[in-house]
Amino acid sequence: MTKNIFLSILLLAIVSCKNDDKSSLKVKKESFVFASWTSAGNTFDKLKWKKKIKYYDSLGISEILVSGAPEILEKIIPIANQKNIKVHGWMWTLNRPNDTIAMQHPEWYAVNRNLQNSLDYRAYVDYYQWLSPFHPEARDYIISNAKEFMKIDGLASVHLDYVRYPDVILGADLQPKYNLVQDTEMPEFDYDYHPIARKQFKAIFDKDPIDFEHPELSTEWRQFRLNAVTTLVNEIVAIAHTKNKKVTAAVFPFPTMSRQMVRQAWNDWNLDTAYPMLYQNFYRENINWIGFATKQDVNDVDFPIISGLYSPALRKPEDLEKAIKIAKKNGAKGISIFTADDLTAAQKAVFIKLKSEFKK
């Protein structure tokens, strides 16, 4: 009896050791990602892209988020694969400047509190031409655009951008550029009072938000608009996942802030990864703010965070290094720079230094 017990204990110990060995094999140190947003332009130049990929690789950049037509991305991916660089398809989602198909349908566009159509009244800049997430045909068109990216073999993700409303409040440093002081939510920048949105809201609450004395104080009206974008994103994600494709997004700094500034509740989205644009200079904040925002993002969602950095605001190499390290310290799985294409020699040296340092 005693012998049998001893053999049983010994057998359990051996099995346990084997399981521990298997567990240790599964533990793999994740590398800190260096990524960059970039543009493919309107034509494909093979030699140009070979040089670009070689350049990104020299900096330790392992992911690029490329704005361009699907047929161009298809040609970039094999070149990037030679250096193990992942290519994401950067898609402008609700903001569709000079979209020849959308422009044939003025009824697809978002509407502000002055009842101005976004195609006719372009808030801030001419390329702000926003579709309404409430119009079913506009939604179908956006989803069809995403599906075109999903067809690309080897694409790392469909990377959604401008998946929000126009800025109801600009960053503090941007307001003077438009001679604005936005201490209230101004009606010309407050979207989406699309007829379909108002009709749907009234069907639930028996009220038309255009009649509110202070619509900016209505939590129901704000949440109603947030939900329209969220359901659009999550529908795209659901379709992508059936095709074994991932969906990522460039989003505003952290969910509480993005809800207020651009009506974007990205903590409710079923993303695979988020790339919050932590451009501290837009908000007249210091580099420590990047760490604060990163930590908030990591706490708010259960998917990975890649902290977006703005290279012109980090010209001093010590600032760039601090920004990268503070993002890493606060839980980011990597950083994405906008953009690696215009880095100074001193900034490039920071990437090369940290590429080596983070591998140790």
Protein backbone atom coordinates (compact mmCIF):
# COMPACT_ATOMS: atom_id res chain seq x y z
CA MET A 1 0.00 0.00 0.00
CA THR A 2 2.80 2.40 0.99
CA LYS A 3 4.71 1.46 -2.16
CA ASN A 4 1.68 2.23 -4.34
CA ILE A 5 1.23 5.63 -2.70
CA PHE A 6 4.91 6.46 -3.28
CA LEU A 7 4.67 5.48 -6.96
CA SER A 8 1.54 7.60 -7.37
CA ILE A 9 3.24 10.65 -5.86
CA LEU A 10 6.30 10.10 -8.06
CA LEU A 11 4.14 9.83 -11.17
CA LEU A 12 2.28 13.04 -10.31
CA ALA A 13 5.59 14.83 -9.79
CA ILE A 14 6.87 13.70 -13.21
CA VAL A 15 3.65 14.78 -14.95
CA SER A 16 3.77 18.12 -13.12
CA CYS A 17 7.35 18.74 -14.25
CA LYS A 18 6.41 17.96 -17.84
CA ASN A 19 3.48 20.35 -17.67
CA ASP A 20 5.75 23.02 -16.22
CA ASP A 21 8.17 22.47 -19.09
CA LYS A 22 5.33 22.90 -21.59
CA SER A 23 4.19 26.06 -19.82
CA SER A 24 7.67 27.50 -19.93
CA LEU A 25 7.79 26.87 -23.67
CA LYS A 26 4.60 28.84 -24.08
CA VAL A 27 5.98 31.85 -22.24
CA LYS A 28 7.48 34.00 -24.92
CA LYS A 29 8.67 37.51 -24.34
CA GLU A 30 6.61 39.86 -26.48
CA SER A 31 8.62 42.39 -28.42
CA PHE A 32 7.71 46.06 -28.13
CA VAL A 33 6.27 47.15 -31.48
CA PHE A 34 7.55 50.09 -33.50
CA ALA A 35 4.99 51.09 -36.14
CA SER A 36 4.40 54.01 -38.46
CA TRP A 37 1.55 55.52 -40.42
CA THR A 38 2.43 56.22 -44.05
CA SER A 39 0.81 56.90 -47.42
CA ALA A 40 1.05 54.77 -50.55
CA GLY A 41 -0.02 57.57 -52.86
CA ASN A 42 -1.99 56.91 -56.03
CA THR A 43 0.54 54.76 -57.89
CA PHE A 44 2.83 51.86 -57.02
CA ASP A 45 6.59 52.24 -57.43
CA LYS A 46 8.38 48.98 -56.64
CA LEU A 47 11.83 50.53 -56.26
CA LYS A 48 10.47 53.23 -53.96
CA TRP A 49 8.82 50.66 -51.72
CA LYS A 50 11.92 48.48 -51.54
CA LYS A 51 13.82 51.52 -50.25
CA LYS A 52 11.04 52.44 -47.83
CA ILE A 53 10.80 48.94 -46.39
CA LYS A 54 14.58 48.74 -46.01
CA TYR A 55 14.49 52.10 -44.20
CA TYR A 56 11.69 51.05 -41.85
CA ASP A 57 13.52 47.83 -41.05
CA SER A 58 16.69 49.76 -40.17
CA LEU A 59 14.70 51.63 -37.51
CA GLY A 60 13.18 48.50 -36.05
CA ILE A 61 9.73 49.29 -37.44
CA SER A 62 7.83 46.01 -37.79
CA GLU A 63 4.38 47.35 -38.72
CA ILE A 64 3.22 49.99 -41.18
CA LEU A 65 -0.28 51.42 -41.46
CA VAL A 66 -0.62 52.31 -45.12
CA SER A 67 -3.19 54.64 -46.64
CA GLY A 68 -3.84 53.55 -50.20
CA ALA A 69 -6.04 51.58 -52.53
CA PRO A 70 -6.29 47.81 -51.91
CA GLU A 71 -4.65 47.02 -55.24
CA ILE A 72 -1.57 49.03 -54.20
CA LEU A 73 -1.39 47.41 -50.75
CA GLU A 74 -1.45 43.98 -52.43
CA LYS A 75 1.82 44.89 -54.16
CA ILE A 76 3.46 46.31 -51.03
CA ILE A 77 2.83 43.27 -48.84
CA PRO A 78 5.25 40.85 -50.60
CA ILE A 79 8.03 43.44 -50.34
CA ALA A 80 7.29 44.05 -46.65
CA ASN A 81 7.20 40.31 -45.99
CA GLN A 82 10.87 40.07 -46.98
CA LYS A 83 11.69 42.09 -43.84
CA ASN A 84 8.91 40.57 -41.69
CA ILE A 85 7.06 43.89 -41.65
CA LYS A 86 3.29 43.71 -41.26
CA VAL A 87 1.10 45.88 -43.48
CA HIS A 88 -2.22 47.28 -42.23
CA GLY A 89 -4.79 48.82 -44.57
CA TRP A 90 -5.41 52.36 -43.30
CA MET A 91 -9.00 53.23 -44.24
CA TRP A 92 -10.71 56.61 -43.92
CA THR A 93 -14.07 55.52 -42.62
CA LEU A 94 -16.74 58.19 -42.04
CA ASN A 95 -14.75 61.14 -43.35
CA ARG A 96 -14.71 60.63 -47.13
CA PRO A 97 -13.21 63.69 -48.84
CA ASN A 98 -14.00 63.97 -52.53
CA ASP A 99 -15.48 60.49 -52.63
CA THR A 100 -17.05 60.45 -56.09
CA ILE A 101 -19.56 57.75 -55.17
CA ALA A 102 -20.66 59.31 -51.88
CA MET A 103 -20.93 62.78 -53.40
CA GLN A 104 -23.71 61.50 -55.65
CA HIS A 105 -25.77 60.99 -52.48
CA PRO A 106 -25.97 64.23 -50.45
CA GLU A 107 -28.49 62.53 -48.18
CA TRP A 108 -25.71 60.23 -46.91
CA TYR A 109 -23.86 63.05 -45.16
CA ALA A 110 -23.97 63.99 -41.49
CA VAL A 111 -25.89 67.11 -40.44
CA ASN A 112 -25.00 69.66 -37.78
CA ARG A 113 -27.24 71.41 -35.27
CA ASN A 114 -27.74 74.29 -37.74
CA LEU A 115 -29.12 71.60 -40.09
CA GLN A 116 -26.20 72.05 -42.49
CA ASN A 117 -25.11 69.06 -44.53
CA SER A 118 -21.44 68.07 -44.14
CA LEU A 119 -20.98 68.01 -47.90
CA ASP A 120 -22.09 71.64 -48.19
CA TYR A 121 -20.77 73.00 -44.90
CA ARG A 122 -17.28 71.66 -44.23
CA ALA A 123 -16.29 72.24 -40.63
CA TYR A 124 -12.75 73.57 -40.13
CA VAL A 125 -11.18 72.29 -43.37
CA ASP A 126 -12.36 71.47 -46.88
CA TYR A 127 -11.55 67.76 -46.58
CA TYR A 128 -14.01 67.32 -43.68
CA GLN A 129 -16.82 65.60 -45.57
CA TRP A 130 -18.49 63.22 -43.14
CA LEU A 131 -20.99 60.49 -43.84
CA SER A 132 -23.76 59.78 -41.36
CA PRO A 133 -23.57 56.51 -39.42
CA PHE A 134 -27.38 56.63 -39.27
CA HIS A 135 -28.05 56.45 -43.00
CA PRO A 136 -28.39 52.76 -43.94
CA GLU A 137 -26.99 53.21 -47.46
CA ALA A 138 -24.02 55.19 -46.15
CA ARG A 139 -23.35 52.43 -43.62
CA ASP A 140 -23.55 49.77 -46.34
CA TYR A 141 -21.12 51.76 -48.46
CA ILE A 142 -18.63 52.07 -45.60
CA ILE A 143 -18.88 48.36 -44.86
CA SER A 144 -18.33 47.58 -48.55
CA ASN A 145 -15.13 49.66 -48.45
CA ALA A 146 -13.93 47.66 -45.46
CA LYS A 147 -14.72 44.39 -47.24
CA GLU A 148 -12.42 45.37 -50.11
CA PHE A 149 -9.53 45.55 -47.64
CA MET A 150 -10.55 42.22 -46.12
CA LYS A 151 -9.95 40.56 -49.51
CA ILE A 152 -6.22 41.37 -49.39
CA ASP A 153 -4.10 38.30 -48.68
CA GLY A 154 -1.61 38.83 -45.89
CA LEU A 155 -3.07 42.10 -44.61
CA ALA A 156 -2.41 42.49 -40.89
CA SER A 157 -5.64 44.38 -40.26
CA VAL A 158 -8.25 46.73 -41.62
CA HIS A 159 -7.14 49.90 -39.85
CA LEU A 160 -10.06 52.28 -39.34
CA ASP A 161 -9.47 56.03 -39.07
CA TYR A 162 -11.87 58.99 -38.91
CA VAL A 163 -14.42 56.65 -37.42
CA ARG A 164 -16.21 59.30 -35.41
CA TYR A 165 -18.00 62.63 -35.89
CA PRO A 166 -16.35 65.97 -36.73
CA ASP A 167 -14.59 67.53 -33.76
CA VAL A 168 -17.19 69.26 -31.62
CA ILE A 169 -14.26 70.57 -29.55
CA LEU A 170 -10.80 71.03 -31.07
CA GLY A 171 -7.60 70.61 -29.10
CA ALA A 172 -6.55 73.76 -27.25
CA ASP A 173 -3.59 74.38 -29.55
CA LEU A 174 -5.70 74.01 -32.71
CA GLN A 175 -8.50 76.44 -31.83
CA PRO A 176 -6.50 79.65 -32.43
CA LYS A 177 -5.63 78.42 -35.94
CA TYR A 178 -9.32 78.74 -36.78
CA ASN A 179 -9.90 81.89 -34.71
CA LEU A 180 -12.06 79.92 -32.31
CA VAL A 181 -12.65 79.80 -28.58
CA GLN A 182 -14.67 76.63 -28.01
CA ASP A 183 -15.77 76.99 -24.41
CA THR A 184 -19.20 75.65 -25.43
CA GLU A 185 -20.39 73.10 -27.97
CA MET A 186 -21.05 75.33 -30.96
CA PRO A 187 -23.96 74.26 -33.20
CA GLU A 188 -22.00 74.35 -36.48
CA PHE A 189 -19.61 71.71 -35.12
CA ASP A 190 -22.20 69.56 -33.33
CA TYR A 191 -23.24 66.55 -35.47
CA ASP A 192 -25.31 64.29 -36.24
CA TYR A 193 -28.78 65.81 -36.53
CA HIS A 194 -29.48 63.75 -39.62
CA PRO A 195 -33.26 63.40 -40.23
CA ILE A 196 -32.97 59.62 -39.77
CA ALA A 197 -31.18 60.05 -36.43
CA ARG A 198 -33.76 62.51 -35.16
CA LYS A 199 -36.63 60.28 -36.29
CA GLN A 200 -35.15 57.22 -34.59
CA PHE A 201 -34.48 59.17 -31.38
CA LYS A 202 -38.03 60.56 -31.34
CA ALA A 203 -39.49 57.09 -31.80
CA ILE A 204 -37.86 56.08 -28.53
CA PHE A 205 -38.05 59.24 -26.42
CA ASP A 206 -40.94 61.12 -28.04
CA LYS A 207 -38.64 64.15 -28.39
CA ASP A 208 -36.77 65.72 -31.29
CA PRO A 209 -33.25 66.71 -30.17
CA ILE A 210 -33.28 69.72 -32.50
CA ASP A 211 -35.90 71.22 -30.17
CA PHE A 212 -33.76 70.86 -27.03
CA GLU A 213 -32.68 74.16 -25.49
CA HIS A 214 -29.37 72.55 -24.49
CA PRO A 215 -28.90 69.35 -26.51
CA GLU A 216 -25.30 69.16 -25.33
CA LEU A 217 -26.64 68.38 -21.84
CA SER A 218 -28.72 65.41 -22.97
CA THR A 219 -26.89 62.24 -22.01
CA GLU A 220 -29.42 60.19 -23.97
CA TRP A 221 -28.84 62.14 -27.18
CA ARG A 222 -25.07 61.88 -26.79
CA GLN A 223 -25.19 58.14 -26.09
CA PHE A 224 -27.58 57.61 -29.01
CA ARG A 225 -25.02 59.10 -31.38
CA LEU A 226 -22.14 57.21 -29.80
CA ASN A 227 -24.03 53.97 -30.31
CA ALA A 228 -24.45 54.61 -34.05
CA VAL A 229 -20.68 54.64 -34.57
CA THR A 230 -20.10 51.74 -32.18
CA THR A 231 -22.56 49.45 -33.96
CA LEU A 232 -20.96 50.32 -37.31
CA VAL A 233 -17.49 49.44 -36.05
CA ASN A 234 -18.62 46.25 -34.37
CA GLU A 235 -20.42 45.14 -37.52
CA ILE A 236 -17.21 45.60 -39.50
CA VAL A 237 -15.29 43.67 -36.84
CA ALA A 238 -17.78 40.81 -36.88
CA ILE A 239 -17.55 40.50 -40.67
CA ALA A 240 -13.75 40.69 -40.61
CA HIS A 241 -13.45 37.98 -37.98
CA THR A 242 -15.52 35.59 -40.10
CA LYS A 243 -12.86 36.10 -42.77
CA ASN A 244 -9.97 35.64 -40.30
CA LYS A 245 -9.06 39.31 -40.61
CA LYS A 246 -8.33 41.68 -37.76
CA VAL A 247 -9.65 45.20 -37.26
CA THR A 248 -7.67 47.98 -35.60
CA ALA A 249 -8.35 51.69 -35.31
CA ALA A 250 -6.68 55.07 -34.89
CA VAL A 251 -8.65 56.72 -32.10
CA PHE A 252 -8.63 59.81 -29.91
CA PRO A 253 -6.41 59.82 -26.81
CA PHE A 254 -8.58 58.05 -24.21
CA PRO A 255 -12.27 57.12 -24.15
CA THR A 256 -13.56 59.79 -21.75
CA MET A 257 -11.83 62.48 -23.76
CA SER A 258 -12.86 61.06 -27.14
CA ARG A 259 -16.51 60.84 -26.10
CA GLN A 260 -16.47 64.55 -25.30
CA MET A 261 -14.41 65.86 -28.21
CA VAL A 262 -15.50 63.72 -31.17
CA ARG A 263 -18.35 61.48 -29.95
CA GLN A 264 -16.23 58.34 -30.09
CA ALA A 265 -16.79 55.61 -27.48
CA TRP A 266 -14.00 53.32 -28.61
CA ASN A 267 -13.89 51.41 -25.34
CA ASP A 268 -17.19 49.86 -26.51
CA TRP A 269 -15.65 48.60 -29.74
CA ASN A 270 -14.60 44.97 -30.29
CA LEU A 271 -11.21 45.89 -31.74
CA ASP A 272 -8.15 43.67 -31.98
CA THR A 273 -5.84 46.61 -31.21
CA ALA A 274 -6.25 50.38 -30.77
CA TYR A 275 -3.78 53.06 -31.79
CA PRO A 276 -4.76 56.14 -29.73
CA MET A 277 -3.24 59.32 -31.18
CA LEU A 278 -1.47 60.79 -28.15
CA TYR A 279 -0.36 64.02 -29.79
CA GLN A 280 0.32 65.94 -26.59
CA ASN A 281 1.08 69.26 -28.30
CA PHE A 282 -2.46 69.43 -29.74
CA TYR A 283 -3.73 69.75 -26.18
CA ARG A 284 -0.87 71.85 -24.79
CA GLU A 285 0.21 68.99 -22.57
CA ASN A 286 3.65 67.70 -21.62
CA ILE A 287 5.20 64.32 -22.40
CA ASN A 288 4.09 62.88 -19.06
CA TRP A 289 0.55 63.23 -20.40
CA ILE A 290 1.38 60.48 -22.92
CA GLY A 291 2.01 58.14 -20.02
CA PHE A 292 -1.22 59.21 -18.30
CA ALA A 293 -3.29 58.66 -21.46
CA THR A 294 -1.63 55.31 -22.19
CA LYS A 295 -2.32 54.05 -18.68
CA GLN A 296 -5.94 55.17 -18.91
CA ASP A 297 -6.35 53.36 -22.23
CA VAL A 298 -4.83 50.15 -20.88
CA ASN A 299 -7.19 50.31 -17.90
CA ASP A 300 -10.27 51.05 -20.04
CA VAL A 301 -10.08 48.24 -22.60
CA ASP A 302 -9.15 44.57 -22.82
CA PHE A 303 -7.34 44.73 -26.17
CA PRO A 304 -3.74 45.87 -26.82
CA ILE A 305 -2.79 49.54 -27.00
CA ILE A 306 -0.21 50.95 -29.41
CA SER A 307 0.47 54.55 -28.37
CA GLY A 308 0.46 56.98 -31.30
CA LEU A 309 3.17 59.65 -31.22
CA TYR A 310 3.51 62.81 -33.32
CA SER A 311 7.05 63.21 -34.62
CA PRO A 312 7.01 67.02 -35.19
CA ALA A 313 6.20 67.51 -31.48
CA LEU A 314 9.10 65.28 -30.45
CA ARG A 315 11.96 66.82 -32.42
CA LYS A 316 14.32 66.75 -29.46
CA PRO A 317 15.71 63.21 -29.33
CA GLU A 318 15.45 63.16 -25.54
CA ASP A 319 11.73 63.98 -25.84
CA LEU A 320 11.14 61.20 -28.35
CA GLU A 321 12.98 58.68 -26.20
CA LYS A 322 11.05 59.75 -23.10
CA ALA A 323 7.73 59.49 -24.97
CA ILE A 324 8.48 55.95 -26.19
CA LYS A 325 9.68 54.78 -22.80
CA ILE A 326 6.80 56.34 -20.87
CA ALA A 327 4.30 54.64 -23.19
CA LYS A 328 6.03 51.30 -22.62
CA LYS A 329 6.17 51.84 -18.85
CA ASN A 330 2.42 52.49 -18.73
CA GLY A 331 1.43 49.31 -20.52
CA ALA A 332 1.50 50.02 -24.25
CA LYS A 333 2.45 47.06 -26.44
CA GLY A 334 4.21 49.42 -28.79
CA ILE A 335 4.22 52.88 -30.35
CA SER A 336 3.20 54.14 -33.78
CA ILE A 337 4.84 57.29 -35.09
CA PHE A 338 3.25 59.82 -37.40
CA THR A 339 5.33 59.54 -39.32
CA ALA A 340 8.66 57.73 -39.76
CA ASP A 341 8.92 59.27 -43.22
CA ASP A 342 9.96 62.68 -41.88
CA LEU A 343 12.23 61.81 -38.94
CA THR A 344 15.38 63.81 -38.37
CA ALA A 345 18.75 62.09 -38.10
CA ALA A 346 18.63 62.51 -34.33
CA GLN A 347 15.15 60.95 -34.14
CA LYS A 348 16.23 58.02 -36.28
CA ALA A 349 19.11 57.44 -33.88
CA VAL A 350 16.62 57.11 -31.02
CA PHE A 351 14.74 54.35 -32.84
CA ILE A 352 17.96 52.50 -33.63
CA LYS A 353 19.15 52.81 -30.02
CA LEU A 354 15.85 51.61 -28.51
CA LYS A 355 15.49 48.83 -31.08
CA SER A 356 18.66 47.34 -29.68
CA GLU A 357 17.91 48.19 -26.06
CA PHE A 358 14.43 46.65 -26.02
CA LYS A 359 15.71 43.35 -27.43
CA LYS A 360 17.91 42.77 -24.38
